[in-house]
N, C-alpha and C. Protein backbone atom coordinates (compact mmCIF):
# COMPACT_ATOMS: atom_id res chain seq x y z
N MET A 1 -6.88 -20.76 -15.29
CA MET A 1 -6.07 -21.09 -14.12
C MET A 1 -5.08 -19.95 -13.88
N THR A 2 -4.99 -19.46 -12.65
CA THR A 2 -4.10 -18.35 -12.35
C THR A 2 -2.72 -18.88 -11.97
N ARG A 3 -1.73 -18.02 -12.19
CA ARG A 3 -0.36 -18.38 -11.82
C ARG A 3 -0.21 -18.28 -10.31
N PRO A 4 0.61 -19.13 -9.75
CA PRO A 4 0.86 -19.00 -8.31
C PRO A 4 1.62 -17.71 -8.01
N SER A 5 1.31 -17.12 -6.90
CA SER A 5 1.99 -15.89 -6.51
C SER A 5 3.41 -16.19 -6.05
N HIS A 6 4.27 -15.22 -6.27
CA HIS A 6 5.63 -15.31 -5.76
C HIS A 6 5.64 -14.80 -4.32
N ARG A 7 6.53 -15.32 -3.55
CA ARG A 7 6.74 -14.82 -2.20
C ARG A 7 7.45 -13.48 -2.31
N VAL A 8 7.15 -12.54 -1.40
CA VAL A 8 7.80 -11.22 -1.40
C VAL A 8 8.81 -11.18 -0.27
N ILE A 9 10.05 -10.88 -0.61
CA ILE A 9 11.12 -10.71 0.37
C ILE A 9 11.55 -9.24 0.30
N ILE A 10 11.53 -8.57 1.44
CA ILE A 10 11.93 -7.16 1.48
C ILE A 10 13.25 -7.07 2.22
N ARG A 11 14.28 -6.66 1.51
CA ARG A 11 15.61 -6.52 2.13
C ARG A 11 15.64 -5.35 3.09
N HIS A 12 16.64 -5.36 3.95
CA HIS A 12 16.74 -4.36 5.01
C HIS A 12 16.68 -2.92 4.49
N GLN A 13 17.47 -2.61 3.46
CA GLN A 13 17.49 -1.23 2.96
C GLN A 13 16.12 -0.80 2.44
N ALA A 14 15.40 -1.70 1.79
CA ALA A 14 14.05 -1.38 1.31
C ALA A 14 13.10 -1.15 2.49
N GLU A 15 13.24 -1.93 3.55
CA GLU A 15 12.42 -1.71 4.76
C GLU A 15 12.69 -0.34 5.35
N VAL A 16 13.96 0.05 5.38
CA VAL A 16 14.32 1.38 5.88
C VAL A 16 13.69 2.45 4.99
N ASP A 17 13.79 2.28 3.67
CA ASP A 17 13.20 3.24 2.74
C ASP A 17 11.70 3.39 2.99
N ILE A 18 11.00 2.27 3.12
CA ILE A 18 9.55 2.28 3.31
C ILE A 18 9.19 2.92 4.64
N THR A 19 9.88 2.54 5.70
CA THR A 19 9.59 3.09 7.03
C THR A 19 9.84 4.59 7.07
N ASP A 20 10.96 5.04 6.53
CA ASP A 20 11.26 6.48 6.51
C ASP A 20 10.18 7.26 5.78
N ALA A 21 9.75 6.75 4.63
CA ALA A 21 8.72 7.44 3.85
C ALA A 21 7.39 7.45 4.59
N ALA A 22 7.01 6.33 5.19
CA ALA A 22 5.74 6.26 5.92
C ALA A 22 5.74 7.24 7.09
N LEU A 23 6.86 7.32 7.81
CA LEU A 23 6.94 8.26 8.93
C LEU A 23 6.87 9.70 8.44
N PHE A 24 7.52 9.99 7.33
CA PHE A 24 7.46 11.33 6.75
C PHE A 24 6.01 11.70 6.43
N TYR A 25 5.30 10.81 5.74
CA TYR A 25 3.91 11.10 5.37
C TYR A 25 3.01 11.19 6.58
N GLU A 26 3.26 10.39 7.58
CA GLU A 26 2.44 10.44 8.80
C GLU A 26 2.62 11.78 9.51
N ARG A 27 3.83 12.34 9.45
CA ARG A 27 4.06 13.67 10.05
C ARG A 27 3.34 14.77 9.26
N GLN A 28 3.13 14.54 7.98
CA GLN A 28 2.43 15.54 7.15
C GLN A 28 0.95 15.59 7.49
N ARG A 29 0.36 14.40 7.68
CA ARG A 29 -1.07 14.31 8.01
C ARG A 29 -1.33 12.95 8.63
N ALA A 30 -2.04 12.94 9.74
CA ALA A 30 -2.37 11.68 10.41
C ALA A 30 -3.09 10.75 9.43
N GLY A 31 -2.62 9.53 9.34
CA GLY A 31 -3.22 8.53 8.47
C GLY A 31 -2.57 8.43 7.10
N LEU A 32 -1.84 9.47 6.69
CA LEU A 32 -1.23 9.46 5.36
C LEU A 32 -0.12 8.40 5.27
N GLY A 33 0.58 8.18 6.36
CA GLY A 33 1.60 7.13 6.37
C GLY A 33 0.99 5.76 6.14
N HIS A 34 -0.18 5.52 6.74
CA HIS A 34 -0.87 4.24 6.53
C HIS A 34 -1.35 4.11 5.08
N GLU A 35 -1.78 5.22 4.50
CA GLU A 35 -2.19 5.19 3.10
C GLU A 35 -1.00 4.86 2.20
N PHE A 36 0.15 5.42 2.52
CA PHE A 36 1.37 5.12 1.77
C PHE A 36 1.69 3.62 1.87
N LEU A 37 1.65 3.07 3.08
CA LEU A 37 1.95 1.65 3.27
C LEU A 37 0.96 0.77 2.52
N SER A 38 -0.30 1.17 2.51
CA SER A 38 -1.32 0.41 1.79
C SER A 38 -1.01 0.38 0.29
N GLU A 39 -0.59 1.52 -0.25
CA GLU A 39 -0.25 1.56 -1.67
C GLU A 39 0.98 0.71 -1.97
N ILE A 40 1.98 0.77 -1.11
CA ILE A 40 3.19 -0.04 -1.30
C ILE A 40 2.81 -1.53 -1.27
N ASN A 41 1.96 -1.91 -0.32
CA ASN A 41 1.53 -3.31 -0.24
C ASN A 41 0.78 -3.75 -1.49
N SER A 42 -0.06 -2.87 -2.03
CA SER A 42 -0.78 -3.19 -3.27
C SER A 42 0.19 -3.39 -4.44
N ALA A 43 1.19 -2.52 -4.53
CA ALA A 43 2.18 -2.63 -5.60
C ALA A 43 2.96 -3.94 -5.47
N LEU A 44 3.32 -4.29 -4.25
CA LEU A 44 4.06 -5.53 -4.03
C LEU A 44 3.20 -6.76 -4.36
N ALA A 45 1.92 -6.72 -4.01
CA ALA A 45 1.03 -7.83 -4.32
C ALA A 45 0.91 -8.01 -5.84
N SER A 46 0.84 -6.91 -6.55
CA SER A 46 0.76 -6.96 -8.00
C SER A 46 2.03 -7.56 -8.60
N ALA A 47 3.17 -7.14 -8.09
CA ALA A 47 4.44 -7.67 -8.58
C ALA A 47 4.58 -9.16 -8.25
N ALA A 48 4.10 -9.56 -7.08
CA ALA A 48 4.17 -10.97 -6.69
C ALA A 48 3.29 -11.83 -7.59
N GLU A 49 2.17 -11.28 -8.02
CA GLU A 49 1.26 -12.02 -8.89
C GLU A 49 1.85 -12.20 -10.30
N ASN A 50 2.49 -11.14 -10.82
CA ASN A 50 3.07 -11.21 -12.16
C ASN A 50 4.25 -10.25 -12.27
N PRO A 51 5.45 -10.67 -11.89
CA PRO A 51 6.61 -9.77 -11.93
C PRO A 51 6.98 -9.32 -13.35
N PHE A 52 6.57 -10.08 -14.36
CA PHE A 52 6.91 -9.73 -15.74
C PHE A 52 6.11 -8.54 -16.25
N ARG A 53 5.13 -8.11 -15.50
CA ARG A 53 4.31 -6.96 -15.86
C ARG A 53 5.12 -5.67 -15.81
N TYR A 54 6.21 -5.68 -15.09
CA TYR A 54 6.99 -4.47 -14.84
C TYR A 54 8.26 -4.44 -15.67
N PRO A 55 8.66 -3.22 -16.10
CA PRO A 55 9.81 -3.11 -17.01
C PRO A 55 11.13 -3.58 -16.38
N CYS A 56 11.94 -4.17 -17.23
CA CYS A 56 13.26 -4.65 -16.83
C CYS A 56 14.28 -3.53 -17.10
N PHE A 57 15.07 -3.17 -16.08
CA PHE A 57 16.05 -2.10 -16.19
C PHE A 57 17.48 -2.61 -16.29
N ARG A 58 17.67 -3.85 -15.96
CA ARG A 58 19.00 -4.45 -16.00
C ARG A 58 18.82 -5.94 -16.23
N ARG A 59 19.69 -6.53 -17.00
CA ARG A 59 19.53 -7.94 -17.36
C ARG A 59 20.16 -8.92 -16.36
N ARG A 60 21.35 -8.63 -15.87
CA ARG A 60 22.03 -9.58 -14.98
C ARG A 60 22.55 -8.89 -13.74
N PRO A 61 21.93 -9.04 -12.61
CA PRO A 61 20.67 -9.74 -12.45
C PRO A 61 19.52 -8.92 -13.02
N GLU A 62 18.43 -9.58 -13.27
CA GLU A 62 17.26 -8.94 -13.86
C GLU A 62 16.57 -8.04 -12.82
N VAL A 63 16.70 -6.74 -12.98
CA VAL A 63 16.11 -5.77 -12.07
C VAL A 63 14.87 -5.18 -12.73
N ARG A 64 13.77 -5.20 -11.98
CA ARG A 64 12.51 -4.62 -12.47
C ARG A 64 12.07 -3.51 -11.53
N ARG A 65 11.19 -2.63 -12.06
CA ARG A 65 10.75 -1.47 -11.28
C ARG A 65 9.24 -1.33 -11.32
N ILE A 66 8.68 -1.02 -10.16
CA ILE A 66 7.25 -0.73 -10.01
C ILE A 66 7.13 0.76 -9.70
N LEU A 67 6.21 1.44 -10.34
CA LEU A 67 5.90 2.83 -10.00
C LEU A 67 4.65 2.84 -9.13
N ALA A 68 4.76 3.47 -7.95
CA ALA A 68 3.57 3.62 -7.12
C ALA A 68 2.61 4.58 -7.82
N LYS A 69 1.33 4.41 -7.62
CA LYS A 69 0.35 5.23 -8.33
C LYS A 69 0.15 6.60 -7.70
N ARG A 70 -0.12 6.63 -6.43
CA ARG A 70 -0.46 7.90 -5.76
C ARG A 70 0.75 8.65 -5.23
N PHE A 71 1.72 7.92 -4.75
CA PHE A 71 2.91 8.53 -4.15
C PHE A 71 4.07 8.42 -5.14
N PRO A 72 4.97 9.40 -5.16
CA PRO A 72 6.06 9.39 -6.15
C PRO A 72 7.22 8.48 -5.75
N TYR A 73 6.96 7.19 -5.71
CA TYR A 73 7.97 6.22 -5.31
C TYR A 73 8.13 5.13 -6.34
N ARG A 74 9.37 4.61 -6.41
CA ARG A 74 9.73 3.51 -7.31
C ARG A 74 10.25 2.36 -6.46
N LEU A 75 9.76 1.18 -6.73
CA LEU A 75 10.18 -0.02 -6.01
C LEU A 75 11.00 -0.87 -6.96
N PHE A 76 12.20 -1.25 -6.55
CA PHE A 76 13.11 -2.04 -7.38
C PHE A 76 13.21 -3.45 -6.81
N PHE A 77 13.11 -4.45 -7.70
CA PHE A 77 13.18 -5.83 -7.24
C PHE A 77 13.86 -6.72 -8.26
N VAL A 78 14.32 -7.87 -7.77
CA VAL A 78 14.86 -8.92 -8.62
C VAL A 78 14.01 -10.17 -8.39
N ARG A 79 13.98 -11.04 -9.39
CA ARG A 79 13.27 -12.30 -9.25
C ARG A 79 14.22 -13.39 -8.79
N ARG A 80 13.72 -14.23 -7.95
CA ARG A 80 14.40 -15.44 -7.51
C ARG A 80 13.40 -16.58 -7.69
N PRO A 81 13.85 -17.82 -7.68
CA PRO A 81 12.89 -18.92 -7.84
C PRO A 81 11.78 -18.83 -6.78
N GLY A 82 10.55 -18.60 -7.25
CA GLY A 82 9.40 -18.54 -6.36
C GLY A 82 9.26 -17.28 -5.54
N ALA A 83 10.11 -16.27 -5.79
CA ALA A 83 10.07 -15.07 -4.96
C ALA A 83 10.49 -13.84 -5.75
N ILE A 84 10.09 -12.69 -5.23
CA ILE A 84 10.67 -11.43 -5.69
C ILE A 84 11.36 -10.81 -4.48
N VAL A 85 12.51 -10.20 -4.73
CA VAL A 85 13.30 -9.59 -3.66
C VAL A 85 13.33 -8.09 -3.90
N VAL A 86 12.67 -7.36 -3.01
CA VAL A 86 12.62 -5.90 -3.12
C VAL A 86 13.85 -5.37 -2.38
N PHE A 87 14.69 -4.60 -3.10
CA PHE A 87 15.93 -4.16 -2.47
C PHE A 87 16.01 -2.65 -2.29
N ARG A 88 15.20 -1.85 -2.97
CA ARG A 88 15.16 -0.40 -2.74
C ARG A 88 13.76 0.12 -3.04
N VAL A 89 13.36 1.15 -2.29
CA VAL A 89 12.12 1.88 -2.52
C VAL A 89 12.51 3.35 -2.46
N LEU A 90 12.55 4.01 -3.61
CA LEU A 90 13.12 5.36 -3.71
C LEU A 90 12.10 6.38 -4.18
N HIS A 91 12.19 7.58 -3.61
CA HIS A 91 11.38 8.70 -4.07
C HIS A 91 11.80 9.02 -5.51
N ALA A 92 10.85 9.45 -6.31
CA ALA A 92 11.12 9.73 -7.72
C ALA A 92 12.15 10.84 -7.92
N ALA A 93 12.32 11.72 -6.94
CA ALA A 93 13.30 12.80 -7.06
C ALA A 93 14.73 12.32 -6.80
N ARG A 94 14.89 11.12 -6.24
CA ARG A 94 16.23 10.58 -5.98
C ARG A 94 16.88 10.18 -7.28
N ASP A 95 18.18 10.25 -7.31
CA ASP A 95 18.95 9.88 -8.49
C ASP A 95 18.64 8.44 -8.90
N GLU A 96 18.34 8.24 -10.15
CA GLU A 96 18.00 6.92 -10.68
C GLU A 96 19.12 5.90 -10.42
N ARG A 97 20.37 6.36 -10.35
CA ARG A 97 21.49 5.44 -10.12
C ARG A 97 21.57 4.93 -8.69
N GLU A 98 20.83 5.52 -7.78
CA GLU A 98 20.88 5.14 -6.36
C GLU A 98 20.56 3.65 -6.16
N TRP A 99 19.64 3.11 -6.91
CA TRP A 99 19.26 1.71 -6.72
C TRP A 99 20.40 0.77 -7.08
N LYS A 100 21.29 1.20 -7.98
CA LYS A 100 22.36 0.31 -8.44
C LYS A 100 23.34 -0.05 -7.33
N LYS A 101 23.40 0.76 -6.29
CA LYS A 101 24.32 0.49 -5.18
C LYS A 101 23.89 -0.72 -4.36
N ASN A 102 22.64 -1.12 -4.48
CA ASN A 102 22.10 -2.18 -3.62
C ASN A 102 21.60 -3.41 -4.36
N VAL A 103 21.95 -3.56 -5.62
CA VAL A 103 21.45 -4.71 -6.39
C VAL A 103 21.99 -6.00 -5.77
N PRO A 104 21.09 -6.93 -5.44
CA PRO A 104 21.54 -8.20 -4.88
C PRO A 104 22.37 -8.99 -5.89
N LYS A 105 23.29 -9.74 -5.40
CA LYS A 105 24.12 -10.60 -6.26
C LYS A 105 23.27 -11.76 -6.77
N PRO A 106 23.53 -12.21 -8.01
CA PRO A 106 22.74 -13.32 -8.57
C PRO A 106 22.95 -14.62 -7.81
């Protein structure tokens, strides 16, 4: 029996991060932005299926991180009852502390 999937909630700042990155990649090569979005969606689906699969970086609130496979991006999320809340999507070259500015309150 499989576990029920969690609902995915994407906060405003994470949406901005994703959109900016997709537009950047689309300017590099037609279709690359769509490939980026497809990878982000796959990562989110995986996290929704089993959020415990990803490492915990902070305990209170519990912040977890997903590494995108093809693109150098990190997705940060917290768990809520029945949901995961994605609050930042950052390029790997960005300062690791950047996500801490946007951690949702418990």
